[in-house]
Amino acid sequence: MKRIYLLIFMFLFGLNLISLSQNLCSEDLFKQHLLNECTACRSPNDADYGLFLKAMQTDSMFEKLKLLTQFVESNPENGLADEFTYRGLAFSNLKLYDSALVYFNQALKLNQNDAYLFYFRGDTYSHLHNYVKAINDFSQAIELDQSMYMAFYFRGICYYVLGDVNKALMDISKTFQLVKASNKTA
């Protein structure tokens, strides 16, 4: 009986997250906001930055991968960790998860303090149905950033798939608390 309630709660919570994201801003507005923030971080006369903008605006993942690779290679000061991360994300978006793992592993060898890298790799492991490794990575992301509600959410999903309903309920509950708190501050 507890599993049915958890499943219903997770479904309703997922719908609330989707409707919340749709109500706050559309995907296009979010992309524009992201591009505006990125533009503010870089010098407007940086010719190579056009590659980054073009990559962010294209819908083709293959084109995105090519442009991001060109951008990272033209800006070596950003480091290899960023290059590996961008490539991992591109392969993950293409649903080529084994290739994505290679790049996320390389990025994590260079930067063990980035919660998002652990989150990205955990997400990739979950797509490959390796839930134990996914839980480990989501846990590492949470250890590095206690406010990362999506790591709690997906770790809860992994726990549920593995049959640990109590841990799943705790993580989903924590997700709800974090989302609620972030809406109050927004």
C-alpha atoms as a PDB file:
ATOM      1  CA  MET A   1       0.000   0.000   0.000  1.00  0.00           C
ATOM      2  CA  LYS A   2       2.877   2.335   0.852  1.00  0.00           C
ATOM      3  CA  ARG A   3       4.309   1.837  -2.661  1.00  0.00           C
ATOM      4  CA  ILE A   4       1.082   2.903  -4.307  1.00  0.00           C
ATOM      5  CA  TYR A   5       1.005   6.120  -2.276  1.00  0.00           C
ATOM      6  CA  LEU A   6       4.648   6.785  -3.097  1.00  0.00           C
ATOM      7  CA  LEU A   7       4.036   6.215  -6.796  1.00  0.00           C
ATOM      8  CA  ILE A   8       1.008   8.523  -6.770  1.00  0.00           C
ATOM      9  CA  PHE A   9       2.973  11.147  -4.826  1.00  0.00           C
ATOM     10  CA  MET A  10       5.924  10.956  -7.238  1.00  0.00           C
ATOM     11  CA  PHE A  11       3.605  11.247 -10.233  1.00  0.00           C
ATOM     12  CA  LEU A  12       1.780  14.246  -8.788  1.00  0.00           C
ATOM     13  CA  PHE A  13       5.042  15.854  -7.693  1.00  0.00           C
ATOM     14  CA  GLY A  14       6.456  15.394 -11.192  1.00  0.00           C
ATOM     15  CA  LEU A  15       3.363  17.035 -12.661  1.00  0.00           C
ATOM     16  CA  ASN A  16       3.722  19.923 -10.209  1.00  0.00           C
ATOM     17  CA  LEU A  17       7.377  20.415 -11.179  1.00  0.00           C
ATOM     18  CA  ILE A  18       6.436  20.417 -14.858  1.00  0.00           C
ATOM     19  CA  SER A  19       3.570  22.872 -14.377  1.00  0.00           C
ATOM     20  CA  LEU A  20       5.746  25.028 -12.117  1.00  0.00           C
ATOM     21  CA  SER A  21       8.474  25.236 -14.740  1.00  0.00           C
ATOM     22  CA  GLN A  22       5.901  26.020 -17.428  1.00  0.00           C
ATOM     23  CA  ASN A  23       4.288  28.702 -15.282  1.00  0.00           C
ATOM     24  CA  LEU A  24       7.527  30.382 -14.257  1.00  0.00           C
ATOM     25  CA  CYS A  25       8.842  30.756 -17.772  1.00  0.00           C
ATOM     26  CA  SER A  26       8.694  29.041 -21.096  1.00  0.00           C
ATOM     27  CA  GLU A  27      11.674  27.123 -22.417  1.00  0.00           C
ATOM     28  CA  ASP A  28      12.440  29.942 -24.865  1.00  0.00           C
ATOM     29  CA  LEU A  29      12.441  32.546 -22.092  1.00  0.00           C
ATOM     30  CA  PHE A  30      14.693  30.319 -20.005  1.00  0.00           C
ATOM     31  CA  LYS A  31      17.129  29.917 -22.906  1.00  0.00           C
ATOM     32  CA  GLN A  32      17.138  33.672 -23.477  1.00  0.00           C
ATOM     33  CA  HIS A  33      17.755  34.308 -19.780  1.00  0.00           C
ATOM     34  CA  LEU A  34      20.641  31.822 -19.830  1.00  0.00           C
ATOM     35  CA  LEU A  35      22.131  33.422 -22.935  1.00  0.00           C
ATOM     36  CA  ASN A  36      21.850  36.888 -21.361  1.00  0.00           C
ATOM     37  CA  GLU A  37      23.653  35.684 -18.234  1.00  0.00           C
ATOM     38  CA  CYS A  38      26.364  34.017 -20.305  1.00  0.00           C
ATOM     39  CA  THR A  39      26.807  37.126 -22.431  1.00  0.00           C
ATOM     40  CA  ALA A  40      27.316  39.217 -19.300  1.00  0.00           C
ATOM     41  CA  CYS A  41      30.098  36.857 -18.187  1.00  0.00           C
ATOM     42  CA  ARG A  42      32.156  37.209 -21.366  1.00  0.00           C
ATOM     43  CA  SER A  43      33.668  40.127 -23.174  1.00  0.00           C
ATOM     44  CA  PRO A  44      31.356  41.260 -26.000  1.00  0.00           C
ATOM     45  CA  ASN A  45      34.311  41.552 -28.391  1.00  0.00           C
ATOM     46  CA  ASP A  46      35.316  37.902 -27.992  1.00  0.00           C
ATOM     47  CA  ALA A  47      34.889  36.524 -31.511  1.00  0.00           C
ATOM     48  CA  ASP A  48      34.956  32.896 -30.370  1.00  0.00           C
ATOM     49  CA  TYR A  49      32.010  33.488 -28.067  1.00  0.00           C
ATOM     50  CA  GLY A  50      29.761  33.469 -31.130  1.00  0.00           C
ATOM     51  CA  LEU A  51      30.394  29.722 -31.332  1.00  0.00           C
ATOM     52  CA  PHE A  52      29.017  29.287 -27.823  1.00  0.00           C
ATOM     53  CA  LEU A  53      25.929  31.368 -28.561  1.00  0.00           C
ATOM     54  CA  LYS A  54      25.305  29.493 -31.785  1.00  0.00           C
ATOM     55  CA  ALA A  55      25.687  26.152 -29.978  1.00  0.00           C
ATOM     56  CA  MET A  56      23.197  27.192 -27.303  1.00  0.00           C
ATOM     57  CA  GLN A  57      20.637  28.236 -29.904  1.00  0.00           C
ATOM     58  CA  THR A  58      20.775  25.195 -32.192  1.00  0.00           C
ATOM     59  CA  ASP A  59      18.359  22.309 -31.743  1.00  0.00           C
ATOM     60  CA  SER A  60      20.622  19.744 -33.423  1.00  0.00           C
ATOM     61  CA  MET A  61      22.636  17.881 -30.816  1.00  0.00           C
ATOM     62  CA  PHE A  62      25.288  16.905 -33.380  1.00  0.00           C
ATOM     63  CA  GLU A  63      25.716  20.553 -34.352  1.00  0.00           C
ATOM     64  CA  LYS A  64      25.709  21.544 -30.667  1.00  0.00           C
ATOM     65  CA  LEU A  65      28.492  19.028 -29.939  1.00  0.00           C
ATOM     66  CA  LYS A  66      30.566  20.262 -32.871  1.00  0.00           C
ATOM     67  CA  LEU A  67      30.177  23.939 -31.951  1.00  0.00           C
ATOM     68  CA  LEU A  68      30.826  23.406 -28.239  1.00  0.00           C
ATOM     69  CA  THR A  69      33.956  21.428 -29.072  1.00  0.00           C
ATOM     70  CA  GLN A  70      35.174  24.251 -31.317  1.00  0.00           C
ATOM     71  CA  PHE A  71      34.404  26.805 -28.605  1.00  0.00           C
ATOM     72  CA  VAL A  72      36.234  24.888 -25.879  1.00  0.00           C
ATOM     73  CA  GLU A  73      39.221  24.230 -28.123  1.00  0.00           C
ATOM     74  CA  SER A  74      39.428  27.932 -29.000  1.00  0.00           C
ATOM     75  CA  ASN A  75      39.346  28.844 -25.285  1.00  0.00           C
ATOM     76  CA  PRO A  76      41.873  26.529 -23.615  1.00  0.00           C
ATOM     77  CA  GLU A  77      41.959  28.663 -20.459  1.00  0.00           C
ATOM     78  CA  ASN A  78      38.584  27.160 -19.514  1.00  0.00           C
ATOM     79  CA  GLY A  79      40.327  23.830 -19.001  1.00  0.00           C
ATOM     80  CA  LEU A  80      39.787  20.276 -20.045  1.00  0.00           C
ATOM     81  CA  ALA A  81      37.152  19.627 -17.366  1.00  0.00           C
ATOM     82  CA  ASP A  82      34.735  21.983 -19.123  1.00  0.00           C
ATOM     83  CA  GLU A  83      35.456  20.391 -22.484  1.00  0.00           C
ATOM     84  CA  PHE A  84      34.795  16.920 -21.133  1.00  0.00           C
ATOM     85  CA  THR A  85      31.621  18.136 -19.409  1.00  0.00           C
ATOM     86  CA  TYR A  86      30.233  19.773 -22.567  1.00  0.00           C
ATOM     87  CA  ARG A  87      30.934  16.678 -24.602  1.00  0.00           C
ATOM     88  CA  GLY A  88      29.393  14.440 -21.954  1.00  0.00           C
ATOM     89  CA  LEU A  89      26.246  16.552 -21.916  1.00  0.00           C
ATOM     90  CA  ALA A  90      26.019  16.503 -25.696  1.00  0.00           C
ATOM     91  CA  PHE A  91      26.343  12.714 -25.830  1.00  0.00           C
ATOM     92  CA  SER A  92      23.849  12.359 -23.000  1.00  0.00           C
ATOM     93  CA  ASN A  93      21.359  14.510 -24.903  1.00  0.00           C
ATOM     94  CA  LEU A  94      21.893  12.250 -27.902  1.00  0.00           C
ATOM     95  CA  LYS A  95      21.100   9.271 -25.639  1.00  0.00           C
ATOM     96  CA  LEU A  96      24.599   7.889 -26.230  1.00  0.00           C
ATOM     97  CA  TYR A  97      25.083   7.230 -22.537  1.00  0.00           C
ATOM     98  CA  ASP A  98      28.188   5.030 -22.714  1.00  0.00           C
ATOM     99  CA  SER A  99      30.015   7.798 -24.582  1.00  0.00           C
ATOM    100  CA  ALA A 100      28.713  10.395 -22.134  1.00  0.00           C
ATOM    101  CA  LEU A 101      30.109   8.376 -19.227  1.00  0.00           C
ATOM    102  CA  VAL A 102      33.581   8.426 -20.762  1.00  0.00           C
ATOM    103  CA  TYR A 103      33.577  12.227 -20.809  1.00  0.00           C
ATOM    104  CA  PHE A 104      31.993  12.673 -17.379  1.00  0.00           C
ATOM    105  CA  ASN A 105      34.585  10.300 -15.911  1.00  0.00           C
ATOM    106  CA  GLN A 106      37.369  12.340 -17.516  1.00  0.00           C
ATOM    107  CA  ALA A 107      35.887  15.579 -16.181  1.00  0.00           C
ATOM    108  CA  LEU A 108      35.604  14.122 -12.680  1.00  0.00           C
ATOM    109  CA  LYS A 109      39.252  13.055 -12.756  1.00  0.00           C
ATOM    110  CA  LEU A 110      40.089  16.740 -13.179  1.00  0.00           C
ATOM    111  CA  ASN A 111      37.446  18.201 -10.843  1.00  0.00           C
ATOM    112  CA  GLN A 112      36.122  16.211  -7.868  1.00  0.00           C
ATOM    113  CA  ASN A 113      34.414  19.243  -6.295  1.00  0.00           C
ATOM    114  CA  ASP A 114      31.713  19.921  -8.881  1.00  0.00           C
ATOM    115  CA  ALA A 115      28.310  18.738  -7.675  1.00  0.00           C
ATOM    116  CA  TYR A 116      26.838  19.078 -11.169  1.00  0.00           C
ATOM    117  CA  LEU A 117      29.379  16.667 -12.638  1.00  0.00           C
ATOM    118  CA  PHE A 118      28.312  14.017 -10.140  1.00  0.00           C
ATOM    119  CA  TYR A 119      24.666  14.801 -10.875  1.00  0.00           C
ATOM    120  CA  PHE A 120      25.216  14.499 -14.650  1.00  0.00           C
ATOM    121  CA  ARG A 121      27.056  11.206 -14.278  1.00  0.00           C
ATOM    122  CA  GLY A 122      24.398   9.899 -11.859  1.00  0.00           C
ATOM    123  CA  ASP A 123      21.702  10.794 -14.363  1.00  0.00           C
ATOM    124  CA  THR A 124      23.635   8.949 -17.056  1.00  0.00           C
ATOM    125  CA  TYR A 125      23.999   5.863 -14.848  1.00  0.00           C
ATOM    126  CA  SER A 126      20.264   5.925 -14.143  1.00  0.00           C
ATOM    127  CA  HIS A 127      19.530   5.916 -17.878  1.00  0.00           C
ATOM    128  CA  LEU A 128      21.773   2.849 -18.135  1.00  0.00           C
ATOM    129  CA  HIS A 129      19.764   1.247 -15.268  1.00  0.00           C
ATOM    130  CA  ASN A 130      22.839   1.144 -13.030  1.00  0.00           C
ATOM    131  CA  TYR A 131      20.929   2.472 -10.048  1.00  0.00           C
ATOM    132  CA  VAL A 132      23.549   1.732  -7.384  1.00  0.00           C
ATOM    133  CA  LYS A 133      26.166   3.842  -9.168  1.00  0.00           C
ATOM    134  CA  ALA A 134      23.529   6.499  -9.840  1.00  0.00           C
ATOM    135  CA  ILE A 135      22.670   6.646  -6.126  1.00  0.00           C
ATOM    136  CA  ASN A 136      26.357   6.977  -5.250  1.00  0.00           C
ATOM    137  CA  ASP A 137      26.794   9.883  -7.656  1.00  0.00           C
ATOM    138  CA  PHE A 138      23.586  11.618  -6.585  1.00  0.00           C
ATOM    139  CA  SER A 139      24.726  11.223  -2.964  1.00  0.00           C
ATOM    140  CA  GLN A 140      28.095  12.772  -3.808  1.00  0.00           C
ATOM    141  CA  ALA A 141      26.338  15.682  -5.550  1.00  0.00           C
ATOM    142  CA  ILE A 142      24.151  16.196  -2.471  1.00  0.00           C
ATOM    143  CA  GLU A 143      27.194  16.106  -0.213  1.00  0.00           C
ATOM    144  CA  LEU A 144      28.742  18.899  -2.280  1.00  0.00           C
ATOM    145  CA  ASP A 145      25.519  20.918  -2.640  1.00  0.00           C
ATOM    146  CA  GLN A 146      22.726  20.355  -0.097  1.00  0.00           C
ATOM    147  CA  SER A 147      20.290  22.471  -2.138  1.00  0.00           C
ATOM    148  CA  MET A 148      20.419  20.310  -5.278  1.00  0.00           C
ATOM    149  CA  TYR A 149      16.805  19.147  -5.174  1.00  0.00           C
ATOM    150  CA  MET A 150      16.980  17.265  -8.478  1.00  0.00           C
ATOM    151  CA  ALA A 151      19.727  15.008  -7.053  1.00  0.00           C
ATOM    152  CA  PHE A 152      17.422  14.200  -4.120  1.00  0.00           C
ATOM    153  CA  TYR A 153      14.523  13.591  -6.488  1.00  0.00           C
ATOM    154  CA  PHE A 154      16.351  11.235  -8.837  1.00  0.00           C
ATOM    155  CA  ARG A 155      18.123   9.458  -5.987  1.00  0.00           C
ATOM    156  CA  GLY A 156      14.648   8.851  -4.538  1.00  0.00           C
ATOM    157  CA  ILE A 157      13.501   7.420  -7.868  1.00  0.00           C
ATOM    158  CA  CYS A 158      16.522   5.096  -7.921  1.00  0.00           C
ATOM    159  CA  TYR A 159      15.813   3.964  -4.360  1.00  0.00           C
ATOM    160  CA  TYR A 160      12.219   3.273  -5.336  1.00  0.00           C
ATOM    161  CA  VAL A 161      13.263   1.221  -8.359  1.00  0.00           C
ATOM    162  CA  LEU A 162      15.574  -0.808  -6.109  1.00  0.00           C
ATOM    163  CA  GLY A 163      12.704  -1.375  -3.653  1.00  0.00           C
ATOM    164  CA  ASP A 164      13.837   0.843  -0.773  1.00  0.00           C
ATOM    165  CA  VAL A 165      10.570   2.718  -0.267  1.00  0.00           C
ATOM    166  CA  ASN A 166      11.584   4.378   3.013  1.00  0.00           C
ATOM    167  CA  LYS A 167      14.690   6.024   1.534  1.00  0.00           C
ATOM    168  CA  ALA A 168      12.702   6.955  -1.555  1.00  0.00           C
ATOM    169  CA  LEU A 169      10.068   8.679   0.586  1.00  0.00           C
ATOM    170  CA  MET A 170      12.739  10.585   2.535  1.00  0.00           C
ATOM    171  CA  ASP A 171      14.380  11.862  -0.661  1.00  0.00           C
ATOM    172  CA  ILE A 172      11.099  12.807  -2.316  1.00  0.00           C
ATOM    173  CA  SER A 173      10.048  14.595   0.856  1.00  0.00           C
ATOM    174  CA  LYS A 174      13.373  16.479   0.938  1.00  0.00           C
ATOM    175  CA  THR A 175      12.874  17.419  -2.722  1.00  0.00           C
ATOM    176  CA  PHE A 176       9.456  18.848  -1.907  1.00  0.00           C
ATOM    177  CA  GLN A 177      10.916  20.885   0.981  1.00  0.00           C
ATOM    178  CA  LEU A 178      13.738  22.293  -1.174  1.00  0.00           C
ATOM    179  CA  VAL A 179      11.433  23.220  -4.055  1.00  0.00           C
ATOM    180  CA  LYS A 180       8.998  24.863  -1.665  1.00  0.00           C
ATOM    181  CA  ALA A 181      11.828  26.828  -0.021  1.00  0.00           C
ATOM    182  CA  SER A 182      13.234  27.920  -3.387  1.00  0.00           C
ATOM    183  CA  ASN A 183       9.809  29.195  -4.487  1.00  0.00           C
ATOM    184  CA  LYS A 184       9.592  31.355  -1.359  1.00  0.00           C
ATOM    185  CA  THR A 185      12.948  32.981  -2.105  1.00  0.00           C
ATOM    186  CA  ALA A 186      12.253  33.468  -5.824  1.00  0.00           C
END
